[in-house]
Amino acid sequence: MVQSLELLLDADSDAAIRRDWAYLAELGLPSQARHTGASNRPHVTVAVASSLDSGAEQRLADLVATKGAVPSALRLGGLVVFGGARATLARAVVPSAELMEFHGRVQALLGDSPGVPPHLHPGRWTPHVTLAMRGRSDEIGSAAAALVPTLSDLEATVSGVRRWDGDAKREWTLGDAQNR
């Protein structure tokens, strides 16, 4: 399955993304609103592996607990599309120096963890918040066209760092957002 580390958004930013999800769903377009699992929420995936090596969990927890290590703010910019037979539409996250440094440190701490996708390696990662997945190109184009007229940058605060264990279907928050 998948093990991941994700940045969570403050309540207002989370609500703004969920409004976009709801709008796309109302239009009958692909939308993350259709994913009704309890763990589904707007986030920025920083790391993915098929499993974590024996020390990676503690190394990640220690990093998150380090004052100033986790970015405190994110700027969500325009739309980005990831192609394929079924495409993904997302809000781009402007890659600040703070965000890119955190990403690089997280990737280094994964150690020998297997199954890290190449697109998540430093220099290849495109930070984003997913709006819709697995859409045909015409659906993703319609979704983008629907969102563009009201799209503006969104200043978000990082409210927490989540660990997702896809094998156990379990999530938990690492560290304390107030200590960052």
N, C-alpha and C. Protein backbone atom coordinates (compact mmCIF):
# COMPACT_ATOMS: atom_id res chain seq x y z
N MET A 1 0.84 -1.19 0.00
CA MET A 1 0.00 0.00 0.00
C MET A 1 0.88 1.24 0.00
N VAL A 2 0.47 2.24 0.75
CA VAL A 2 1.21 3.50 0.74
C VAL A 2 1.34 4.06 2.15
N GLN A 3 2.49 4.64 2.38
CA GLN A 3 2.76 5.39 3.60
C GLN A 3 3.02 6.83 3.14
N SER A 4 2.42 7.80 3.78
CA SER A 4 2.64 9.17 3.32
C SER A 4 2.76 10.15 4.48
N LEU A 5 3.35 11.30 4.15
CA LEU A 5 3.47 12.42 5.07
C LEU A 5 2.86 13.61 4.35
N GLU A 6 1.93 14.31 5.01
CA GLU A 6 1.15 15.35 4.35
C GLU A 6 1.03 16.59 5.22
N LEU A 7 1.05 17.75 4.58
CA LEU A 7 0.80 19.01 5.27
C LEU A 7 -0.69 19.29 5.21
N LEU A 8 -1.28 19.61 6.35
CA LEU A 8 -2.70 19.92 6.44
C LEU A 8 -2.90 21.44 6.44
N LEU A 9 -4.06 21.88 5.99
CA LEU A 9 -4.36 23.30 5.87
C LEU A 9 -5.24 23.78 7.02
N ASP A 10 -5.12 25.08 7.30
CA ASP A 10 -5.98 25.70 8.32
C ASP A 10 -7.45 25.58 7.91
N ALA A 11 -8.34 25.83 8.85
CA ALA A 11 -9.78 25.62 8.64
C ALA A 11 -10.34 26.44 7.48
N ASP A 12 -9.94 27.72 7.34
CA ASP A 12 -10.47 28.55 6.25
C ASP A 12 -10.00 28.06 4.89
N SER A 13 -8.73 27.69 4.79
CA SER A 13 -8.20 27.19 3.51
C SER A 13 -8.79 25.83 3.17
N ASP A 14 -8.93 24.99 4.17
CA ASP A 14 -9.57 23.69 3.99
C ASP A 14 -10.99 23.90 3.44
N ALA A 15 -11.73 24.83 4.04
CA ALA A 15 -13.10 25.10 3.60
C ALA A 15 -13.14 25.64 2.18
N ALA A 16 -12.18 26.48 1.82
CA ALA A 16 -12.14 27.03 0.45
C ALA A 16 -11.93 25.92 -0.57
N ILE A 17 -11.03 24.99 -0.29
CA ILE A 17 -10.80 23.87 -1.20
C ILE A 17 -12.03 22.98 -1.26
N ARG A 18 -12.65 22.73 -0.13
CA ARG A 18 -13.86 21.91 -0.12
C ARG A 18 -15.00 22.57 -0.91
N ARG A 19 -15.05 23.90 -0.92
CA ARG A 19 -16.06 24.59 -1.76
C ARG A 19 -15.80 24.31 -3.23
N ASP A 20 -14.53 24.31 -3.63
CA ASP A 20 -14.20 23.97 -5.02
C ASP A 20 -14.59 22.53 -5.32
N TRP A 21 -14.31 21.62 -4.40
CA TRP A 21 -14.72 20.23 -4.58
C TRP A 21 -16.23 20.14 -4.77
N ALA A 22 -16.98 20.81 -3.92
CA ALA A 22 -18.45 20.75 -3.98
C ALA A 22 -18.96 21.34 -5.29
N TYR A 23 -18.37 22.44 -5.72
CA TYR A 23 -18.79 23.09 -6.97
C TYR A 23 -18.57 22.15 -8.16
N LEU A 24 -17.42 21.52 -8.21
CA LEU A 24 -17.16 20.58 -9.31
C LEU A 24 -18.14 19.41 -9.27
N ALA A 25 -18.42 18.90 -8.08
CA ALA A 25 -19.38 17.79 -7.95
C ALA A 25 -20.77 18.22 -8.40
N GLU A 26 -21.18 19.46 -8.02
CA GLU A 26 -22.50 19.96 -8.44
C GLU A 26 -22.61 20.04 -9.95
N LEU A 27 -21.49 20.32 -10.62
CA LEU A 27 -21.48 20.40 -12.08
C LEU A 27 -21.39 19.03 -12.74
N GLY A 28 -21.28 17.98 -11.93
CA GLY A 28 -21.18 16.62 -12.47
C GLY A 28 -19.80 16.29 -13.00
N LEU A 29 -18.80 17.02 -12.51
CA LEU A 29 -17.43 16.82 -12.96
C LEU A 29 -16.64 16.03 -11.92
N PRO A 30 -15.51 15.46 -12.32
CA PRO A 30 -14.67 14.77 -11.31
C PRO A 30 -14.35 15.73 -10.17
N SER A 31 -14.33 15.19 -8.96
CA SER A 31 -14.10 16.01 -7.78
C SER A 31 -13.68 15.14 -6.62
N GLN A 32 -12.80 15.66 -5.78
CA GLN A 32 -12.43 14.96 -4.56
C GLN A 32 -13.61 14.84 -3.61
N ALA A 33 -14.66 15.62 -3.82
CA ALA A 33 -15.86 15.51 -2.99
C ALA A 33 -16.49 14.13 -3.11
N ARG A 34 -16.22 13.45 -4.21
CA ARG A 34 -16.80 12.11 -4.41
C ARG A 34 -16.09 11.05 -3.57
N HIS A 35 -14.93 11.37 -3.05
CA HIS A 35 -14.18 10.46 -2.17
C HIS A 35 -14.71 10.72 -0.75
N THR A 36 -15.54 9.83 -0.25
CA THR A 36 -16.25 10.09 1.00
C THR A 36 -15.59 9.47 2.23
N GLY A 37 -14.38 8.95 2.07
CA GLY A 37 -13.69 8.37 3.23
C GLY A 37 -13.40 9.41 4.29
N ALA A 38 -13.40 9.00 5.53
CA ALA A 38 -13.20 9.91 6.66
C ALA A 38 -11.85 10.61 6.60
N SER A 39 -10.86 9.99 5.98
CA SER A 39 -9.52 10.58 5.92
C SER A 39 -9.35 11.57 4.77
N ASN A 40 -10.35 11.68 3.90
CA ASN A 40 -10.23 12.57 2.75
C ASN A 40 -10.34 14.02 3.19
N ARG A 41 -9.26 14.78 2.98
CA ARG A 41 -9.27 16.21 3.29
C ARG A 41 -8.19 16.87 2.46
N PRO A 42 -8.32 18.16 2.21
CA PRO A 42 -7.28 18.87 1.45
C PRO A 42 -5.93 18.77 2.16
N HIS A 43 -4.89 18.50 1.37
CA HIS A 43 -3.55 18.35 1.93
C HIS A 43 -2.50 18.48 0.83
N VAL A 44 -1.27 18.64 1.24
CA VAL A 44 -0.12 18.64 0.32
C VAL A 44 0.72 17.42 0.68
N THR A 45 0.83 16.47 -0.23
CA THR A 45 1.63 15.28 0.01
C THR A 45 3.10 15.62 -0.15
N VAL A 46 3.88 15.39 0.90
CA VAL A 46 5.30 15.70 0.90
C VAL A 46 6.13 14.45 0.65
N ALA A 47 5.65 13.29 1.07
CA ALA A 47 6.40 12.05 0.90
C ALA A 47 5.46 10.87 0.78
N VAL A 48 5.89 9.90 -0.03
CA VAL A 48 5.18 8.64 -0.19
C VAL A 48 6.22 7.54 -0.29
N ALA A 49 5.95 6.41 0.33
CA ALA A 49 6.77 5.21 0.19
C ALA A 49 5.84 4.01 0.33
N SER A 50 6.26 2.87 -0.20
CA SER A 50 5.41 1.69 -0.04
C SER A 50 5.49 1.16 1.39
N SER A 51 6.61 1.41 2.06
CA SER A 51 6.75 1.13 3.49
C SER A 51 7.88 2.01 4.01
N LEU A 52 7.95 2.16 5.32
CA LEU A 52 9.01 2.96 5.92
C LEU A 52 10.06 2.05 6.53
N ASP A 53 11.34 2.39 6.34
CA ASP A 53 12.38 1.59 6.98
C ASP A 53 12.25 1.74 8.50
N SER A 54 12.95 0.91 9.24
CA SER A 54 12.72 0.80 10.69
C SER A 54 12.89 2.11 11.45
N GLY A 55 13.72 3.01 11.01
CA GLY A 55 13.92 4.25 11.76
C GLY A 55 13.25 5.46 11.17
N ALA A 56 12.65 5.34 9.99
CA ALA A 56 12.09 6.50 9.29
C ALA A 56 10.97 7.17 10.07
N GLU A 57 10.11 6.40 10.67
CA GLU A 57 8.97 6.97 11.42
C GLU A 57 9.47 7.93 12.50
N GLN A 58 10.45 7.47 13.28
CA GLN A 58 10.97 8.31 14.36
C GLN A 58 11.73 9.51 13.80
N ARG A 59 12.49 9.33 12.72
CA ARG A 59 13.22 10.45 12.11
C ARG A 59 12.25 11.53 11.62
N LEU A 60 11.14 11.11 11.02
CA LEU A 60 10.13 12.07 10.55
C LEU A 60 9.48 12.79 11.73
N ALA A 61 9.13 12.04 12.77
CA ALA A 61 8.51 12.65 13.95
C ALA A 61 9.46 13.66 14.59
N ASP A 62 10.74 13.31 14.67
CA ASP A 62 11.73 14.23 15.24
C ASP A 62 11.85 15.51 14.40
N LEU A 63 11.84 15.37 13.08
CA LEU A 63 11.92 16.54 12.21
C LEU A 63 10.71 17.45 12.43
N VAL A 64 9.54 16.87 12.44
CA VAL A 64 8.31 17.66 12.61
C VAL A 64 8.30 18.36 13.96
N ALA A 65 8.89 17.73 14.97
CA ALA A 65 8.94 18.33 16.31
C ALA A 65 9.99 19.44 16.42
N THR A 66 10.86 19.55 15.43
CA THR A 66 11.92 20.57 15.46
C THR A 66 11.33 21.93 15.13
N LYS A 67 11.51 22.87 16.02
CA LYS A 67 10.98 24.22 15.83
C LYS A 67 11.50 24.81 14.52
N GLY A 68 10.58 25.31 13.70
CA GLY A 68 10.93 25.96 12.45
C GLY A 68 11.17 25.03 11.27
N ALA A 69 11.11 23.72 11.48
CA ALA A 69 11.37 22.79 10.38
C ALA A 69 10.20 22.70 9.39
N VAL A 70 8.99 22.76 9.91
CA VAL A 70 7.79 22.63 9.07
C VAL A 70 7.39 24.02 8.58
N PRO A 71 7.12 24.16 7.29
CA PRO A 71 6.66 25.47 6.80
C PRO A 71 5.41 25.92 7.55
N SER A 72 5.35 27.19 7.86
CA SER A 72 4.18 27.68 8.59
C SER A 72 3.09 28.18 7.65
N ALA A 73 3.47 28.56 6.43
CA ALA A 73 2.50 29.13 5.49
C ALA A 73 2.73 28.56 4.10
N LEU A 74 1.65 28.49 3.36
CA LEU A 74 1.67 28.04 1.97
C LEU A 74 0.86 29.02 1.14
N ARG A 75 1.27 29.21 -0.10
CA ARG A 75 0.47 29.99 -1.03
C ARG A 75 -0.01 29.05 -2.13
N LEU A 76 -1.34 28.91 -2.22
CA LEU A 76 -1.93 28.11 -3.28
C LEU A 76 -2.17 29.03 -4.46
N GLY A 77 -1.62 28.65 -5.59
CA GLY A 77 -1.70 29.49 -6.79
C GLY A 77 -2.71 28.94 -7.78
N GLY A 78 -2.31 28.95 -9.04
CA GLY A 78 -3.19 28.55 -10.13
C GLY A 78 -3.38 27.05 -10.22
N LEU A 79 -4.00 26.66 -11.31
CA LEU A 79 -4.31 25.26 -11.54
C LEU A 79 -3.16 24.57 -12.25
N VAL A 80 -3.03 23.29 -11.98
CA VAL A 80 -2.05 22.45 -12.64
C VAL A 80 -2.75 21.13 -12.99
N VAL A 81 -2.38 20.57 -14.13
CA VAL A 81 -2.96 19.30 -14.57
C VAL A 81 -1.83 18.28 -14.69
N PHE A 82 -2.05 17.11 -14.12
CA PHE A 82 -1.14 15.99 -14.27
C PHE A 82 -1.82 15.02 -15.22
N GLY A 83 -1.18 14.72 -16.33
CA GLY A 83 -1.81 13.94 -17.39
C GLY A 83 -1.73 12.45 -17.20
N GLY A 84 -2.20 11.77 -18.21
CA GLY A 84 -2.28 10.32 -18.23
C GLY A 84 -3.62 9.94 -18.82
N ALA A 85 -3.89 8.65 -18.86
CA ALA A 85 -5.18 8.19 -19.38
C ALA A 85 -6.32 8.82 -18.60
N ARG A 86 -6.12 8.99 -17.32
CA ARG A 86 -7.05 9.72 -16.46
C ARG A 86 -6.23 10.79 -15.76
N ALA A 87 -6.63 12.03 -15.88
CA ALA A 87 -5.84 13.16 -15.40
C ALA A 87 -6.27 13.63 -14.01
N THR A 88 -5.41 14.44 -13.40
CA THR A 88 -5.65 15.04 -12.10
C THR A 88 -5.61 16.55 -12.25
N LEU A 89 -6.54 17.24 -11.62
CA LEU A 89 -6.57 18.70 -11.57
C LEU A 89 -6.27 19.10 -10.13
N ALA A 90 -5.37 20.08 -9.97
CA ALA A 90 -4.97 20.48 -8.63
C ALA A 90 -4.68 21.97 -8.58
N ARG A 91 -4.65 22.50 -7.36
CA ARG A 91 -4.14 23.85 -7.11
C ARG A 91 -2.65 23.71 -6.88
N ALA A 92 -1.85 24.46 -7.62
CA ALA A 92 -0.41 24.46 -7.41
C ALA A 92 -0.10 25.14 -6.07
N VAL A 93 0.92 24.64 -5.40
CA VAL A 93 1.42 25.29 -4.20
C VAL A 93 2.73 25.96 -4.60
N VAL A 94 2.81 27.27 -4.42
CA VAL A 94 4.00 28.02 -4.81
C VAL A 94 5.17 27.48 -3.99
N PRO A 95 6.24 27.03 -4.66
CA PRO A 95 7.34 26.36 -3.97
C PRO A 95 8.29 27.35 -3.28
N SER A 96 7.95 27.74 -2.06
CA SER A 96 8.81 28.64 -1.28
C SER A 96 10.09 27.91 -0.88
N ALA A 97 11.11 28.67 -0.53
CA ALA A 97 12.37 28.08 -0.06
C ALA A 97 12.12 27.22 1.17
N GLU A 98 11.27 27.69 2.08
CA GLU A 98 10.95 26.96 3.30
C GLU A 98 10.30 25.60 2.98
N LEU A 99 9.36 25.60 2.05
CA LEU A 99 8.68 24.37 1.66
C LEU A 99 9.65 23.40 0.99
N MET A 100 10.47 23.91 0.08
CA MET A 100 11.38 23.03 -0.63
C MET A 100 12.46 22.46 0.29
N GLU A 101 12.90 23.25 1.27
CA GLU A 101 13.87 22.74 2.24
C GLU A 101 13.25 21.63 3.07
N PHE A 102 12.01 21.83 3.53
CA PHE A 102 11.33 20.80 4.31
C PHE A 102 11.19 19.53 3.48
N HIS A 103 10.77 19.67 2.24
CA HIS A 103 10.61 18.51 1.36
C HIS A 103 11.93 17.75 1.21
N GLY A 104 13.01 18.48 0.98
CA GLY A 104 14.31 17.83 0.83
C GLY A 104 14.73 17.08 2.08
N ARG A 105 14.48 17.68 3.24
CA ARG A 105 14.84 17.03 4.51
C ARG A 105 14.00 15.77 4.72
N VAL A 106 12.71 15.86 4.41
CA VAL A 106 11.84 14.68 4.54
C VAL A 106 12.32 13.57 3.63
N GLN A 107 12.61 13.89 2.39
CA GLN A 107 13.06 12.86 1.45
C GLN A 107 14.35 12.20 1.92
N ALA A 108 15.27 13.00 2.47
CA ALA A 108 16.53 12.45 2.98
C ALA A 108 16.28 11.51 4.16
N LEU A 109 15.29 11.83 4.98
CA LEU A 109 14.99 11.02 6.16
C LEU A 109 14.29 9.71 5.84
N LEU A 110 13.77 9.58 4.62
CA LEU A 110 13.13 8.31 4.26
C LEU A 110 14.14 7.18 4.21
N GLY A 111 15.42 7.51 4.11
CA GLY A 111 16.47 6.49 4.15
C GLY A 111 16.28 5.43 3.10
N ASP A 112 16.22 4.20 3.53
CA ASP A 112 16.10 3.06 2.61
C ASP A 112 14.65 2.62 2.42
N SER A 113 13.71 3.49 2.72
CA SER A 113 12.30 3.14 2.55
C SER A 113 12.04 2.85 1.08
N PRO A 114 11.41 1.72 0.77
CA PRO A 114 11.17 1.37 -0.63
C PRO A 114 9.93 2.06 -1.20
N GLY A 115 9.87 2.11 -2.52
CA GLY A 115 8.67 2.56 -3.21
C GLY A 115 8.43 4.05 -3.20
N VAL A 116 9.49 4.85 -3.15
CA VAL A 116 9.33 6.30 -3.26
C VAL A 116 9.21 6.63 -4.76
N PRO A 117 8.08 7.19 -5.18
CA PRO A 117 7.91 7.47 -6.60
C PRO A 117 8.90 8.54 -7.09
N PRO A 118 9.43 8.38 -8.29
CA PRO A 118 10.40 9.34 -8.82
C PRO A 118 9.89 10.79 -8.82
N HIS A 119 8.59 10.99 -9.04
CA HIS A 119 8.07 12.36 -9.11
C HIS A 119 8.05 13.06 -7.75
N LEU A 120 8.37 12.33 -6.69
CA LEU A 120 8.45 12.95 -5.36
C LEU A 120 9.89 13.24 -4.93
N HIS A 121 10.86 12.87 -5.75
CA HIS A 121 12.25 13.16 -5.43
C HIS A 121 12.51 14.66 -5.53
N PRO A 122 13.44 15.16 -4.71
CA PRO A 122 13.79 16.59 -4.81
C PRO A 122 14.18 16.96 -6.25
N GLY A 123 13.70 18.10 -6.67
CA GLY A 123 13.94 18.56 -8.03
C GLY A 123 12.91 18.08 -9.03
N ARG A 124 12.04 17.15 -8.63
CA ARG A 124 11.01 16.62 -9.52
C ARG A 124 9.60 16.77 -8.96
N TRP A 125 9.50 17.22 -7.72
CA TRP A 125 8.23 17.31 -7.00
C TRP A 125 7.48 18.57 -7.40
N THR A 126 6.20 18.44 -7.62
CA THR A 126 5.31 19.58 -7.86
C THR A 126 4.31 19.63 -6.72
N PRO A 127 4.54 20.49 -5.73
CA PRO A 127 3.60 20.56 -4.60
C PRO A 127 2.23 21.04 -5.07
N HIS A 128 1.18 20.40 -4.55
CA HIS A 128 -0.18 20.73 -4.99
C HIS A 128 -1.22 20.22 -4.00
N VAL A 129 -2.43 20.73 -4.16
CA VAL A 129 -3.60 20.25 -3.43
C VAL A 129 -4.58 19.74 -4.49
N THR A 130 -4.91 18.48 -4.43
CA THR A 130 -5.75 17.85 -5.45
C THR A 130 -7.20 18.33 -5.37
N LEU A 131 -7.76 18.65 -6.54
CA LEU A 131 -9.16 19.03 -6.66
C LEU A 131 -9.99 17.90 -7.27
N ALA A 132 -9.42 17.21 -8.26
CA ALA A 132 -10.14 16.15 -8.96
C ALA A 132 -9.13 15.15 -9.51
N MET A 133 -9.50 13.88 -9.46
CA MET A 133 -8.62 12.82 -9.96
C MET A 133 -9.36 11.92 -10.93
N ARG A 134 -8.59 11.26 -11.77
CA ARG A 134 -9.09 10.23 -12.68
C ARG A 134 -10.15 10.74 -13.65
N GLY A 135 -9.95 11.97 -14.11
CA GLY A 135 -10.89 12.52 -15.08
C GLY A 135 -10.40 12.36 -16.50
N ARG A 136 -11.32 12.24 -17.42
CA ARG A 136 -10.95 12.27 -18.84
C ARG A 136 -10.49 13.69 -19.16
N SER A 137 -9.73 13.84 -20.20
CA SER A 137 -9.18 15.16 -20.53
C SER A 137 -10.28 16.20 -20.72
N ASP A 138 -11.41 15.83 -21.35
CA ASP A 138 -12.48 16.80 -21.54
C ASP A 138 -13.12 17.19 -20.20
N GLU A 139 -13.22 16.26 -19.26
CA GLU A 139 -13.78 16.56 -17.94
C GLU A 139 -12.86 17.48 -17.15
N ILE A 140 -11.57 17.20 -17.20
CA ILE A 140 -10.60 18.02 -16.47
C ILE A 140 -10.56 19.42 -17.08
N GLY A 141 -10.65 19.51 -18.40
CA GLY A 141 -10.70 20.82 -19.05
C GLY A 141 -11.95 21.60 -18.63
N SER A 142 -13.08 20.94 -18.55
CA SER A 142 -14.31 21.59 -18.10
C SER A 142 -14.21 22.02 -16.64
N ALA A 143 -13.59 21.19 -15.82
CA ALA A 143 -13.42 21.53 -14.41
C ALA A 143 -12.52 22.75 -14.27
N ALA A 144 -11.43 22.79 -15.01
CA ALA A 144 -10.54 23.96 -14.96
C ALA A 144 -11.26 25.21 -15.44
N ALA A 145 -12.01 25.10 -16.53
CA ALA A 145 -12.75 26.25 -17.05
C ALA A 145 -13.79 26.76 -16.05
N ALA A 146 -14.39 25.86 -15.29
CA ALA A 146 -15.39 26.26 -14.30
C ALA A 146 -14.75 27.01 -13.13
N LEU A 147 -13.52 26.64 -12.76
CA LEU A 147 -12.88 27.24 -11.60
C LEU A 147 -12.13 28.54 -11.91
N VAL A 148 -11.65 28.69 -13.14
CA VAL A 148 -10.78 29.83 -13.48
C VAL A 148 -11.43 31.19 -13.22
N PRO A 149 -12.70 31.42 -13.52
CA PRO A 149 -13.24 32.77 -13.34
C PRO A 149 -13.16 33.33 -11.91
N THR A 150 -13.15 32.48 -10.91
CA THR A 150 -13.12 32.97 -9.52
C THR A 150 -11.80 32.62 -8.82
N LEU A 151 -10.84 32.11 -9.57
CA LEU A 151 -9.59 31.66 -8.97
C LEU A 151 -8.69 32.82 -8.58
N SER A 152 -8.19 32.78 -7.36
CA SER A 152 -7.18 33.75 -6.92
C SER A 152 -6.26 33.02 -5.95
N ASP A 153 -5.07 33.59 -5.74
CA ASP A 153 -4.14 32.96 -4.80
C ASP A 153 -4.81 32.84 -3.43
N LEU A 154 -4.44 31.81 -2.73
CA LEU A 154 -4.98 31.53 -1.42
C LEU A 154 -3.82 31.39 -0.44
N GLU A 155 -3.80 32.24 0.58
CA GLU A 155 -2.77 32.16 1.61
C GLU A 155 -3.26 31.18 2.68
N ALA A 156 -2.51 30.12 2.88
CA ALA A 156 -2.90 29.08 3.82
C ALA A 156 -1.86 28.96 4.93
N THR A 157 -2.32 28.56 6.09
CA THR A 157 -1.44 28.25 7.20
C THR A 157 -1.40 26.73 7.34
N VAL A 158 -0.23 26.19 7.59
CA VAL A 158 -0.10 24.76 7.83
C VAL A 158 -0.61 24.49 9.25
N SER A 159 -1.64 23.67 9.35
CA SER A 159 -2.25 23.40 10.66
C SER A 159 -1.72 22.14 11.31
N GLY A 160 -1.04 21.31 10.54
CA GLY A 160 -0.51 20.07 11.09
C GLY A 160 0.18 19.25 10.03
N VAL A 161 0.83 18.20 10.48
CA VAL A 161 1.51 17.25 9.60
C VAL A 161 0.90 15.88 9.87
N ARG A 162 0.34 15.30 8.85
CA ARG A 162 -0.38 14.03 9.00
C ARG A 162 0.44 12.88 8.43
N ARG A 163 0.40 11.77 9.13
CA ARG A 163 0.94 10.51 8.62
C ARG A 163 -0.24 9.64 8.24
N TRP A 164 -0.18 9.07 7.07
CA TRP A 164 -1.22 8.16 6.59
C TRP A 164 -0.59 6.80 6.38
N ASP A 165 -1.19 5.78 6.96
CA ASP A 165 -0.78 4.40 6.78
C ASP A 165 -1.87 3.73 5.97
N GLY A 166 -1.61 3.57 4.67
CA GLY A 166 -2.58 2.98 3.78
C GLY A 166 -2.84 1.51 4.03
N ASP A 167 -1.86 0.81 4.61
CA ASP A 167 -2.07 -0.61 4.94
C ASP A 167 -3.10 -0.76 6.05
N ALA A 168 -2.96 0.04 7.09
CA ALA A 168 -3.86 -0.02 8.24
C ALA A 168 -5.07 0.89 8.07
N LYS A 169 -5.07 1.71 7.00
CA LYS A 169 -6.15 2.70 6.79
C LYS A 169 -6.29 3.57 8.04
N ARG A 170 -5.15 4.12 8.47
CA ARG A 170 -5.10 4.88 9.72
C ARG A 170 -4.31 6.15 9.49
N GLU A 171 -4.72 7.23 10.15
CA GLU A 171 -4.01 8.49 10.07
C GLU A 171 -3.76 9.04 11.47
N TRP A 172 -2.71 9.84 11.60
CA TRP A 172 -2.42 10.51 12.85
C TRP A 172 -1.58 11.74 12.57
N THR A 173 -1.60 12.66 13.50
CA THR A 173 -0.85 13.90 13.36
C THR A 173 0.48 13.77 14.09
N LEU A 174 1.54 14.22 13.43
CA LEU A 174 2.87 14.23 14.02
C LEU A 174 3.12 15.60 14.63
N GLY A 175 3.74 15.62 15.80
CA GLY A 175 4.14 16.89 16.41
C GLY A 175 2.97 17.75 16.82
N ASP A 176 3.28 18.94 17.22
CA ASP A 176 2.30 19.91 17.70
C ASP A 176 2.45 21.17 16.87
N ALA A 177 1.39 21.54 16.16
CA ALA A 177 1.44 22.72 15.28
C ALA A 177 1.82 23.98 16.04
N GLN A 178 1.50 24.04 17.32
CA GLN A 178 1.80 25.25 18.10
C GLN A 178 3.29 25.41 18.38
N ASN A 179 4.06 24.33 18.32
CA ASN A 179 5.49 24.39 18.60
C ASN A 179 6.31 24.80 17.38
N ARG A 180 5.68 24.89 16.23
CA ARG A 180 6.42 25.24 15.04
C ARG A 180 6.43 26.71 14.91
